[in-house]
Amino acid sequence: MSWRASVLTLFPEMFPGPLALSLAGRALAAGVWSLQAANIRDFATDRHRTVDDAPFGGGAGMVMRPDVVDAAAASVADGRPMVCLTPRGRALRQVDVQRYAAGPGMVLLCGRYEGVDQRVIEAHGMEEVSIGDYVLSGGELPALVLLDAVVRLLPGVMGAAESATEESFAEQLLEYPHYTRPADWQGLRVPEVLLSGHHGAIAAWRRAEAERITRERRPDLWDAYTSATRYSDGRTKSDEHHPAL
């Protein structure tokens, strides 16, 4: 059975969008995964198809109604995890992506306006997930980002199995730099170690570069990485790869 994604949105025409292209698109056409986009407005019960109302307590904007969202969620609920895309959610991590990819699929709720009534989020046990510390017009773009991250991990989607294990965040590290032909471009040379054919030296260089870049650009990831790999005497596993650093 293929991995199944259901998206609850006010703009179903945004899907599959870019997911119809490249690796995700080929996997979608091949039946590796399936995508259903349901229009939340179809579950409104009044003649104006109203999906939002003013917030209790006052304030700007409107809030998506729990009764309408509940009906939409109930139409696709089948035990798959439900995720509400919202800037107030927990930051999406690669470990989350791996967990979603290992399951049967997921249901994604795309909020609009000021957000979704909290009661329906809690009633369905939805995870609240954010793709970054910024605000977008709605949850559709985050849903596309999340689905792209998950689908590429499904069996048979990526060509080389080692690609997923060597890329950024696989070990709480950012990925090392990449180079290809020509070896000399505008006076800039590829690091000699990559031309050496010495696989052990290349692996050590790549590990050292991944650690250097993570330490410089993402101290939060570096702290998590070193905490997870620190021995009782204060050394880390990275010391074994390049003790001179």
Protein backbone atom coordinates (compact mmCIF):
# COMPACT_ATOMS: atom_id res chain seq x y z
CA MET A 1 0.00 0.00 0.00
CA SER A 2 1.33 3.46 -0.89
CA TRP A 3 2.07 6.20 1.62
CA ARG A 4 -1.00 8.46 1.78
CA ALA A 5 -1.19 12.20 2.38
CA SER A 6 -4.43 14.12 2.92
CA VAL A 7 -4.34 17.92 3.02
CA LEU A 8 -7.14 20.02 4.49
CA THR A 9 -7.02 23.48 2.95
CA LEU A 10 -9.05 26.40 1.65
CA PHE A 11 -6.93 26.32 -1.52
CA PRO A 12 -6.82 22.74 -2.83
CA GLU A 13 -5.67 24.04 -6.21
CA MET A 14 -2.24 24.66 -4.64
CA PHE A 15 -1.68 20.87 -4.58
CA PRO A 16 0.23 18.99 -5.81
CA GLY A 17 1.99 22.09 -7.15
CA PRO A 18 5.76 21.51 -7.14
CA LEU A 19 5.19 18.02 -5.74
CA ALA A 20 4.11 16.98 -9.24
CA LEU A 21 7.67 17.53 -10.46
CA SER A 22 11.06 15.84 -10.08
CA LEU A 23 11.48 12.97 -7.59
CA ALA A 24 8.20 13.55 -5.77
CA GLY A 25 6.28 13.84 -9.02
CA ARG A 26 7.69 10.65 -10.46
CA ALA A 27 6.94 8.81 -7.22
CA LEU A 28 3.40 10.22 -7.22
CA ALA A 29 2.83 9.07 -10.81
CA ALA A 30 4.27 5.64 -9.97
CA GLY A 31 1.92 5.20 -7.01
CA VAL A 32 4.65 5.22 -4.34
CA TRP A 33 2.55 7.80 -2.54
CA SER A 34 -0.85 9.42 -3.01
CA LEU A 35 -2.17 12.91 -2.34
CA GLN A 36 -5.71 14.06 -1.57
CA ALA A 37 -6.50 17.76 -1.16
CA ALA A 38 -9.86 18.43 0.53
CA ASN A 39 -11.48 21.86 0.52
CA ILE A 40 -12.40 22.81 4.10
CA ARG A 41 -15.08 25.16 2.75
CA ASP A 42 -17.02 22.13 1.47
CA PHE A 43 -17.79 21.25 5.10
CA ALA A 44 -19.39 24.59 6.00
CA THR A 45 -23.13 24.30 6.63
CA ASP A 46 -24.48 27.79 5.88
CA ARG A 47 -25.30 29.10 2.43
CA HIS A 48 -22.29 31.45 2.49
CA ARG A 49 -19.94 28.52 3.23
CA THR A 50 -18.48 30.36 6.21
CA VAL A 51 -15.34 28.83 7.70
CA ASP A 52 -14.24 31.56 10.13
CA ASP A 53 -15.55 33.85 12.85
CA ALA A 54 -14.37 36.64 15.17
CA PRO A 55 -12.10 35.58 18.06
CA PHE A 56 -13.51 35.43 21.58
CA GLY A 57 -11.80 38.06 23.72
CA GLY A 58 -11.48 40.46 20.83
CA GLY A 59 -8.51 41.22 18.63
CA ALA A 60 -7.69 41.55 14.98
CA GLY A 61 -8.47 38.98 12.33
CA MET A 62 -10.65 35.90 12.23
CA VAL A 63 -10.33 32.33 13.50
CA MET A 64 -11.19 29.11 11.66
CA ARG A 65 -14.30 27.54 13.21
CA PRO A 66 -13.89 24.27 15.12
CA ASP A 67 -17.10 22.70 13.82
CA VAL A 68 -16.15 23.16 10.17
CA VAL A 69 -12.55 22.03 10.65
CA ASP A 70 -13.74 19.05 12.71
CA ALA A 71 -16.03 17.88 9.92
CA ALA A 72 -13.20 18.17 7.41
CA ALA A 73 -10.78 16.29 9.67
CA ALA A 74 -13.33 13.57 10.41
CA SER A 75 -13.76 12.94 6.68
CA VAL A 76 -10.18 11.70 6.36
CA ALA A 77 -9.40 10.48 9.89
CA ASP A 78 -8.22 6.88 9.82
CA GLY A 79 -5.45 6.68 12.40
CA ARG A 80 -2.78 8.50 10.44
CA PRO A 81 -1.01 11.25 12.42
CA MET A 82 -2.59 14.69 12.05
CA VAL A 83 -0.40 17.77 11.78
CA CYS A 84 -1.49 21.41 11.98
CA LEU A 85 0.98 23.69 10.22
CA THR A 86 1.35 26.82 12.33
CA PRO A 87 4.15 29.28 13.26
CA ARG A 88 3.38 28.58 16.93
CA GLY A 89 4.21 24.91 16.52
CA ARG A 90 7.33 22.95 17.41
CA ALA A 91 10.13 23.38 14.88
CA LEU A 92 10.17 20.64 12.26
CA ARG A 93 13.24 18.40 12.56
CA GLN A 94 14.67 15.71 10.35
CA VAL A 95 13.86 13.11 13.02
CA ASP A 96 10.19 14.11 12.68
CA VAL A 97 10.38 13.75 8.91
CA GLN A 98 11.85 10.27 9.31
CA ARG A 99 9.07 9.31 11.71
CA TYR A 100 6.35 10.47 9.31
CA ALA A 101 8.00 8.66 6.40
CA ALA A 102 8.06 5.41 8.39
CA GLY A 103 4.30 5.51 8.95
CA PRO A 104 1.32 4.88 6.65
CA GLY A 105 0.91 8.57 5.78
CA MET A 106 -0.41 11.74 7.41
CA VAL A 107 -3.16 14.35 7.46
CA LEU A 108 -2.07 17.99 7.21
CA LEU A 109 -4.27 20.90 8.28
CA CYS A 110 -3.42 24.21 6.64
CA GLY A 111 -4.52 27.11 8.81
CA ARG A 112 -5.50 30.53 7.51
CA TYR A 113 -6.47 33.89 9.01
CA GLU A 114 -5.29 34.20 12.64
CA GLY A 115 -5.28 30.44 13.05
CA VAL A 116 -7.48 27.50 13.99
CA ASP A 117 -9.68 27.18 17.09
CA GLN A 118 -7.48 25.37 19.60
CA ARG A 119 -10.26 23.01 20.67
CA VAL A 120 -10.37 21.15 17.37
CA ILE A 121 -6.58 20.83 17.31
CA GLU A 122 -6.66 19.21 20.75
CA ALA A 123 -9.75 17.11 20.04
CA HIS A 124 -7.97 15.39 17.15
CA GLY A 125 -4.62 15.15 18.92
CA MET A 126 -2.92 17.14 16.17
CA GLU A 127 0.78 17.90 16.31
CA GLU A 128 1.45 21.61 15.86
CA VAL A 129 4.46 22.00 13.57
CA SER A 130 6.35 25.04 12.26
CA ILE A 131 8.90 25.19 9.44
CA GLY A 132 10.58 28.35 10.76
CA ASP A 133 10.38 31.48 12.86
CA TYR A 134 8.43 33.60 10.43
CA VAL A 135 4.79 34.09 9.44
CA LEU A 136 3.26 33.07 6.10
CA SER A 137 -0.22 33.68 4.73
CA GLY A 138 -1.28 30.12 5.47
CA GLY A 139 -0.21 26.55 6.03
CA GLU A 140 -0.14 25.46 2.39
CA LEU A 141 3.50 26.29 1.69
CA PRO A 142 4.67 24.63 4.93
CA ALA A 143 2.59 21.58 3.99
CA LEU A 144 4.37 21.40 0.62
CA VAL A 145 7.73 21.71 2.37
CA LEU A 146 6.89 18.96 4.86
CA LEU A 147 5.56 16.62 2.18
CA ASP A 148 8.62 17.15 0.00
CA ALA A 149 10.90 16.34 2.94
CA VAL A 150 8.96 13.16 3.73
CA VAL A 151 8.36 11.82 0.23
CA ARG A 152 12.04 11.86 -0.70
CA LEU A 153 12.66 9.41 2.16
CA LEU A 154 10.08 6.87 0.99
CA PRO A 155 11.56 3.60 -0.31
CA GLY A 156 12.48 3.78 -3.96
CA VAL A 157 12.17 7.57 -4.33
CA MET A 158 15.85 8.53 -4.12
CA GLY A 159 18.28 6.73 -6.38
CA ALA A 160 21.19 6.19 -3.98
CA ALA A 161 20.38 4.82 -0.54
CA GLU A 162 23.41 6.53 0.98
CA SER A 163 22.14 9.96 -0.08
CA ALA A 164 19.72 10.14 2.84
CA THR A 165 22.32 9.08 5.38
CA GLU A 166 25.03 11.56 4.32
CA GLU A 167 22.98 14.74 3.95
CA SER A 168 22.41 17.58 6.42
CA PHE A 169 20.87 16.70 9.81
CA ALA A 170 21.36 12.94 9.35
CA GLU A 171 23.66 13.00 12.38
CA GLN A 172 22.69 16.43 13.76
CA LEU A 173 25.36 17.92 11.50
CA LEU A 174 25.12 20.15 8.44
CA GLU A 175 26.44 18.56 5.27
CA TYR A 176 30.01 18.97 4.06
CA PRO A 177 30.75 21.05 0.88
CA HIS A 178 30.42 19.46 -2.56
CA TYR A 179 32.62 19.85 -5.65
CA THR A 180 32.56 18.55 -9.23
CA ARG A 181 34.33 19.12 -12.57
CA PRO A 182 36.26 21.13 -13.57
CA ALA A 183 38.83 20.61 -10.84
CA ASP A 184 40.19 24.13 -11.47
CA TRP A 185 37.51 26.77 -12.03
CA GLN A 186 38.42 30.46 -12.33
CA GLY A 187 41.60 29.79 -10.40
CA LEU A 188 39.79 28.02 -7.56
CA ARG A 189 40.96 24.47 -6.94
CA VAL A 190 39.00 21.57 -5.53
CA PRO A 191 40.52 20.45 -2.18
CA GLU A 192 43.36 18.07 -3.08
CA VAL A 193 42.15 15.37 -0.68
CA LEU A 194 39.05 14.84 -2.84
CA LEU A 195 41.28 14.07 -5.84
CA SER A 196 43.50 11.67 -3.90
CA GLY A 197 41.38 8.53 -4.21
CA HIS A 198 42.10 7.85 -0.53
CA HIS A 199 38.64 6.97 0.80
CA GLY A 200 39.63 7.11 4.46
CA ALA A 201 41.17 10.56 4.08
CA ILE A 202 38.15 11.78 2.11
CA ALA A 203 35.74 10.51 4.79
CA ALA A 204 37.79 12.21 7.53
CA TRP A 205 37.87 15.50 5.57
CA ARG A 206 34.12 15.40 5.01
CA ARG A 207 33.45 14.72 8.69
CA ALA A 208 35.78 17.55 9.74
CA GLU A 209 34.12 19.97 7.31
CA ALA A 210 30.61 18.99 8.45
CA GLU A 211 31.61 19.60 12.06
CA ARG A 212 33.33 22.91 11.26
CA ILE A 213 30.34 24.25 9.32
CA THR A 214 27.87 23.12 11.97
CA ARG A 215 29.97 24.67 14.75
CA GLU A 216 30.19 28.00 12.88
CA ARG A 217 26.66 28.27 11.46
CA ARG A 218 24.43 26.35 13.85
CA PRO A 219 25.77 26.40 17.41
CA ASP A 220 22.45 24.95 18.59
CA LEU A 221 22.97 21.83 16.47
CA TRP A 222 26.63 21.67 17.47
CA ASP A 223 25.74 21.73 21.17
CA ALA A 224 23.20 18.93 20.66
CA TYR A 225 25.70 16.90 18.63
CA THR A 226 28.56 17.23 21.12
CA SER A 227 26.27 16.56 24.08
CA ALA A 228 25.07 13.33 22.48
CA THR A 229 28.59 12.13 21.66
CA ARG A 230 30.56 13.28 24.71
CA TYR A 231 32.48 10.75 26.78
CA SER A 232 32.86 10.96 30.56
CA ASP A 233 36.38 12.41 30.22
CA GLY A 234 35.13 15.31 28.10
CA ARG A 235 36.30 13.98 24.73
CA THR A 236 33.83 13.65 21.88
CA LYS A 237 33.65 11.12 19.09
CA SER A 238 34.83 13.85 16.74
CA ASP A 239 38.19 13.85 18.55
CA GLU A 240 38.74 10.34 17.24
CA HIS A 241 38.27 11.47 13.64
CA HIS A 242 40.69 14.41 13.81
CA PRO A 243 42.45 14.67 17.20
CA ALA A 244 44.52 17.67 16.10
CA LEU A 245 41.44 19.93 15.89
